[in-house]
């Protein structure tokens, strides 16, 4: 790997010019790789920079520290909102590669927790490699929030019943890496700690192919999904506005959460 590049917002970019693989690392392990506004900006910059770097032909996305791939939006992030109910700002809607017009293949390497807003990122990756200790869940409903965008993205990767169970069970249940592999969310299961090298190995194979055919295939695959995403995303702001508890009540529920007490399946 080349010398790591740092971008404000705790996202690292490492490029291996020999293989053509870039590794993008969400590097906020002390916050379980939660995404704040600076981190969201950093993702947008990196994805758009990679569009112009022809030495990079495939990308691996991962999280630092091993405890979590990402736990979504940082609860301490303050997101200003317009006064109109017809306009909502969601900083996570533009953190993924596809939202930034990057059509190079992106493979996710997941260790530890992936929950909530992490699915904005995973939902725009081509496939997911996970370590045996990875766990997937979405706590939105437990905190009085609508899981809208996350549900829509996962509904295109797993059977409806599995997505519904994950979203509705909230923080009471976590999907194991094994179960995620069985239902198709994860394409390869490795030993704990092995997701990143396995994902890099896959990316290196893909990076060795002529890029035009690879990127055209990525674009074609995404075209099969984007019409349904656009329709569902159009409804999401209204569902969130109708179904979410006031922010103060959400914060109370979040503050009152207890560690453990969840079922792993």
Protein backbone atom coordinates (compact mmCIF):
# COMPACT_ATOMS: atom_id res chain seq x y z
CA UNK A 1 0.00 0.00 0.00
CA UNK A 2 1.05 3.57 -0.57
CA UNK A 3 1.36 6.01 2.31
CA UNK A 4 -2.11 6.52 3.79
CA UNK A 5 -3.86 9.73 2.94
CA UNK A 6 -5.86 11.50 5.62
CA UNK A 7 -8.97 13.50 4.93
CA UNK A 8 -10.60 15.73 7.55
CA UNK A 9 -13.51 13.86 9.08
CA UNK A 10 -11.64 10.67 9.99
CA UNK A 11 -11.73 8.83 6.69
CA UNK A 12 -8.50 7.25 5.46
CA UNK A 13 -7.60 6.49 1.87
CA UNK A 14 -4.87 3.99 1.00
CA UNK A 15 -4.06 3.17 -2.62
CA UNK A 16 -2.08 0.19 -3.83
CA UNK A 17 -0.90 1.26 -7.26
CA UNK A 18 0.33 -2.26 -8.09
CA UNK A 19 -3.08 -3.88 -7.70
CA UNK A 20 -5.28 -0.87 -8.48
CA UNK A 21 -7.17 -1.32 -5.20
CA UNK A 22 -8.01 1.56 -2.87
CA UNK A 23 -9.04 0.95 0.74
CA UNK A 24 -11.35 3.58 2.24
CA UNK A 25 -11.44 3.31 6.04
CA UNK A 26 -13.96 4.99 8.31
CA UNK A 27 -11.58 5.82 11.15
CA UNK A 28 -13.52 6.90 14.23
CA UNK A 29 -13.21 3.77 16.38
CA UNK A 30 -13.64 5.76 19.59
CA UNK A 31 -17.16 6.62 18.33
CA UNK A 32 -17.83 3.14 16.92
CA UNK A 33 -17.23 4.69 13.50
CA UNK A 34 -20.33 6.85 13.73
CA UNK A 35 -20.55 9.44 10.97
CA UNK A 36 -20.54 13.12 11.90
CA UNK A 37 -20.95 15.97 9.42
CA UNK A 38 -17.22 16.31 8.75
CA UNK A 39 -16.98 12.59 8.08
CA UNK A 40 -19.91 12.77 5.67
CA UNK A 41 -18.13 15.57 3.81
CA UNK A 42 -14.94 13.51 3.73
CA UNK A 43 -16.73 10.55 2.16
CA UNK A 44 -18.17 12.77 -0.53
CA UNK A 45 -14.74 14.20 -1.34
CA UNK A 46 -13.06 10.80 -1.47
CA UNK A 47 -15.66 9.19 -3.71
CA UNK A 48 -15.52 12.08 -6.15
CA UNK A 49 -11.71 12.12 -6.12
CA UNK A 50 -11.65 8.42 -6.94
CA UNK A 51 -13.68 9.11 -10.07
CA UNK A 52 -10.63 10.89 -11.50
CA UNK A 53 -7.93 8.48 -10.33
CA UNK A 54 -7.55 5.97 -13.14
CA UNK A 55 -4.94 4.04 -11.16
CA UNK A 56 -7.77 2.90 -8.87
CA UNK A 57 -9.95 0.25 -10.49
CA UNK A 58 -11.66 -1.24 -7.41
CA UNK A 59 -12.35 -0.08 -3.86
CA UNK A 60 -12.73 -1.73 -0.46
CA UNK A 61 -14.73 0.08 2.24
CA UNK A 62 -14.17 -0.82 5.88
CA UNK A 63 -14.26 0.52 9.45
CA UNK A 64 -11.34 0.83 11.86
CA UNK A 65 -10.96 -0.77 15.25
CA UNK A 66 -12.83 -4.06 14.86
CA UNK A 67 -15.72 -3.21 17.20
CA UNK A 68 -17.92 -1.71 14.52
CA UNK A 69 -18.04 -1.15 10.78
CA UNK A 70 -20.28 1.83 11.55
CA UNK A 71 -23.18 2.69 13.85
CA UNK A 72 -24.61 5.28 11.49
CA UNK A 73 -25.07 8.97 12.25
CA UNK A 74 -23.25 10.32 15.28
CA UNK A 75 -25.87 11.11 17.92
CA UNK A 76 -23.97 14.29 18.79
CA UNK A 77 -24.13 15.62 15.24
CA UNK A 78 -26.34 18.68 14.85
CA UNK A 79 -28.07 18.66 11.48
CA UNK A 80 -29.77 21.99 10.69
CA UNK A 81 -33.17 21.53 9.07
CA UNK A 82 -35.22 23.86 6.86
CA UNK A 83 -38.43 25.15 8.40
CA UNK A 84 -40.55 23.60 5.63
CA UNK A 85 -41.90 20.05 6.15
CA UNK A 86 -41.31 19.46 2.42
CA UNK A 87 -37.53 19.79 2.75
CA UNK A 88 -35.40 17.58 4.97
CA UNK A 89 -31.63 17.40 5.08
CA UNK A 90 -30.15 13.94 5.65
CA UNK A 91 -26.33 14.04 5.50
CA UNK A 92 -26.15 10.26 5.04
CA UNK A 93 -28.03 10.31 1.73
CA UNK A 94 -24.86 11.44 -0.04
CA UNK A 95 -22.15 9.45 1.78
CA UNK A 96 -22.21 6.45 -0.58
CA UNK A 97 -20.24 5.90 -3.78
CA UNK A 98 -23.26 5.71 -6.11
CA UNK A 99 -24.68 8.95 -4.74
CA UNK A 100 -21.40 10.54 -5.85
CA UNK A 101 -21.42 9.04 -9.34
CA UNK A 102 -18.61 6.55 -8.67
CA UNK A 103 -19.10 3.44 -10.80
CA UNK A 104 -15.96 1.61 -9.82
CA UNK A 105 -16.80 -1.56 -7.86
CA UNK A 106 -16.86 -1.19 -4.07
CA UNK A 107 -16.57 -4.21 -1.76
CA UNK A 108 -17.44 -3.79 1.94
CA UNK A 109 -15.40 -5.48 4.68
CA UNK A 110 -17.41 -5.67 7.90
CA UNK A 111 -16.14 -6.51 11.37
CA UNK A 112 -18.18 -5.92 14.53
CA UNK A 113 -21.44 -3.99 14.49
CA UNK A 114 -23.14 -2.61 11.42
CA UNK A 115 -26.35 -0.85 12.31
CA UNK A 116 -28.69 2.01 11.49
CA UNK A 117 -27.14 4.50 9.11
CA UNK A 118 -24.36 2.05 8.23
CA UNK A 119 -26.76 0.73 5.60
CA UNK A 120 -26.51 3.94 3.60
CA UNK A 121 -22.93 2.83 2.94
CA UNK A 122 -23.44 -0.93 2.69
CA UNK A 123 -26.45 -0.41 0.44
CA UNK A 124 -24.24 1.19 -2.20
CA UNK A 125 -21.52 -1.48 -2.17
CA UNK A 126 -21.49 -4.28 -4.73
CA UNK A 127 -21.13 -7.03 -2.13
CA UNK A 128 -20.24 -7.54 1.53
CA UNK A 129 -17.52 -9.69 3.13
CA UNK A 130 -17.92 -10.14 6.90
CA UNK A 131 -15.89 -11.54 9.76
CA UNK A 132 -17.50 -14.20 11.94
CA UNK A 133 -18.08 -11.72 14.79
CA UNK A 134 -19.97 -9.20 12.66
CA UNK A 135 -23.54 -8.39 13.71
CA UNK A 136 -26.28 -6.49 11.88
CA UNK A 137 -29.26 -4.66 13.38
CA UNK A 138 -31.28 -1.46 13.18
CA UNK A 139 -32.37 0.23 16.43
CA UNK A 140 -34.57 2.94 14.89
CA UNK A 141 -37.92 1.63 16.12
CA UNK A 142 -36.61 1.18 19.67
CA UNK A 143 -35.88 4.90 19.82
CA UNK A 144 -39.15 6.07 18.28
CA UNK A 145 -37.79 6.58 14.78
CA UNK A 146 -38.88 5.41 11.34
CA UNK A 147 -36.38 3.19 9.53
CA UNK A 148 -37.04 4.44 6.01
CA UNK A 149 -33.94 4.73 3.85
CA UNK A 150 -32.23 1.85 5.65
CA UNK A 151 -35.22 -0.44 5.13
CA UNK A 152 -35.45 0.40 1.46
CA UNK A 153 -31.76 -0.26 0.83
CA UNK A 154 -31.78 -3.58 2.66
CA UNK A 155 -35.03 -4.69 1.04
CA UNK A 156 -33.05 -4.98 -2.19
CA UNK A 157 -30.46 -7.24 -0.58
CA UNK A 158 -32.45 -9.62 1.63
CA UNK A 159 -35.85 -11.35 1.63
CA UNK A 160 -38.68 -9.10 2.80
CA UNK A 161 -39.30 -11.07 5.99
CA UNK A 162 -35.68 -10.84 7.07
CA UNK A 163 -35.57 -7.09 6.53
CA UNK A 164 -38.90 -6.61 8.31
CA UNK A 165 -37.74 -8.64 11.28
CA UNK A 166 -34.47 -6.73 11.57
CA UNK A 167 -36.16 -3.35 11.39
CA UNK A 168 -39.12 -4.13 13.64
CA UNK A 169 -37.16 -5.97 16.34
CA UNK A 170 -34.95 -2.90 16.76
CA UNK A 171 -32.31 -3.15 19.48
CA UNK A 172 -33.75 -6.38 20.92
CA UNK A 173 -32.16 -8.62 18.31
CA UNK A 174 -29.04 -8.81 16.17
CA UNK A 175 -28.46 -10.79 13.01
CA UNK A 176 -25.26 -12.81 13.22
CA UNK A 177 -22.75 -12.85 10.40
CA UNK A 178 -23.70 -16.47 9.75
CA UNK A 179 -27.39 -15.62 9.39
CA UNK A 180 -26.53 -12.60 7.21
CA UNK A 181 -24.58 -14.94 4.95
CA UNK A 182 -27.47 -17.41 4.82
CA UNK A 183 -29.98 -14.76 3.71
CA UNK A 184 -27.71 -13.07 1.17
CA UNK A 185 -26.72 -9.83 2.86
CA UNK A 186 -23.15 -11.16 3.18
CA UNK A 187 -21.52 -12.88 0.21
CA UNK A 188 -18.47 -14.29 2.01
CA UNK A 189 -17.96 -15.20 5.66
CA UNK A 190 -14.44 -15.24 7.08
CA UNK A 191 -12.87 -15.86 10.46
CA UNK A 192 -13.02 -12.90 12.81
CA UNK A 193 -10.56 -10.26 11.63
CA UNK A 194 -10.36 -11.76 8.16
CA UNK A 195 -12.89 -9.62 6.30
CA UNK A 196 -10.50 -6.93 5.09
CA UNK A 197 -7.87 -9.21 3.49
CA UNK A 198 -10.62 -11.31 1.90
CA UNK A 199 -12.33 -8.21 0.50
CA UNK A 200 -9.01 -6.84 -0.79
CA UNK A 201 -8.32 -10.15 -2.52
CA UNK A 202 -11.69 -9.98 -4.29
CA UNK A 203 -11.14 -6.35 -5.26
CA UNK A 204 -7.69 -7.16 -6.64
CA UNK A 205 -9.20 -9.78 -8.95
CA UNK A 206 -11.80 -7.34 -10.23
CA UNK A 207 -9.21 -4.56 -10.58
CA UNK A 208 -7.23 -6.84 -12.88
CA UNK A 209 -10.01 -6.88 -15.48
CA UNK A 210 -10.47 -4.20 -18.18
CA UNK A 211 -12.15 -1.30 -16.33
CA UNK A 212 -14.68 -0.40 -19.00
CA UNK A 213 -16.42 -3.74 -18.79
CA UNK A 214 -16.30 -3.77 -15.00
CA UNK A 215 -17.69 -0.26 -14.57
CA UNK A 216 -20.36 -0.84 -17.21
CA UNK A 217 -21.45 -3.95 -15.32
CA UNK A 218 -21.63 -2.01 -12.04
CA UNK A 219 -23.73 0.66 -13.75
CA UNK A 220 -26.03 -1.96 -15.29
CA UNK A 221 -26.53 -3.71 -11.96
CA UNK A 222 -27.37 -0.43 -10.24
CA UNK A 223 -29.83 0.53 -13.00
CA UNK A 224 -31.88 -2.51 -12.04
CA UNK A 225 -32.29 -1.03 -8.55
CA UNK A 226 -32.38 2.74 -8.91
CA UNK A 227 -35.95 3.15 -10.20
CA UNK A 228 -37.34 1.31 -7.18
CA UNK A 229 -35.02 3.24 -4.86
CA UNK A 230 -36.10 6.58 -6.29
CA UNK A 231 -39.78 5.76 -5.82
CA UNK A 232 -39.33 4.56 -2.25
CA UNK A 233 -36.94 7.36 -1.28
CA UNK A 234 -39.51 9.91 -2.45
CA UNK A 235 -41.89 8.71 0.26
CA UNK A 236 -39.28 8.47 3.01
CA UNK A 237 -39.24 12.11 4.20
CA UNK A 238 -42.98 12.13 4.78
CA UNK A 239 -42.95 8.79 6.61
CA UNK A 240 -40.14 10.04 8.84
CA UNK A 241 -41.95 13.31 9.54
CA UNK A 242 -45.15 11.46 10.44
CA UNK A 243 -43.67 8.60 12.43
CA UNK A 244 -40.68 9.97 14.32
CA UNK A 245 -41.04 10.97 17.95
CA UNK A 246 -39.85 14.48 18.83
CA UNK A 247 -36.06 14.67 19.04
CA UNK A 248 -36.17 15.21 22.82
CA UNK A 249 -38.11 11.98 23.35
CA UNK A 250 -35.77 10.08 21.03
CA UNK A 251 -32.84 11.31 23.10
CA UNK A 252 -34.52 10.13 26.30
CA UNK A 253 -35.04 6.66 24.90
CA UNK A 254 -31.47 6.54 23.62
CA UNK A 255 -30.08 7.67 26.97
CA UNK A 256 -32.11 5.00 28.75
CA UNK A 257 -30.85 2.12 26.66
CA UNK A 258 -29.14 -0.77 28.42
CA UNK A 259 -26.09 -2.66 27.27
CA UNK A 260 -26.68 -6.29 26.38
CA UNK A 261 -30.09 -7.86 26.71
CA UNK A 262 -30.34 -8.56 22.99
CA UNK A 263 -30.76 -11.87 21.18
CA UNK A 264 -28.34 -12.93 18.46
CA UNK A 265 -29.72 -15.20 15.76
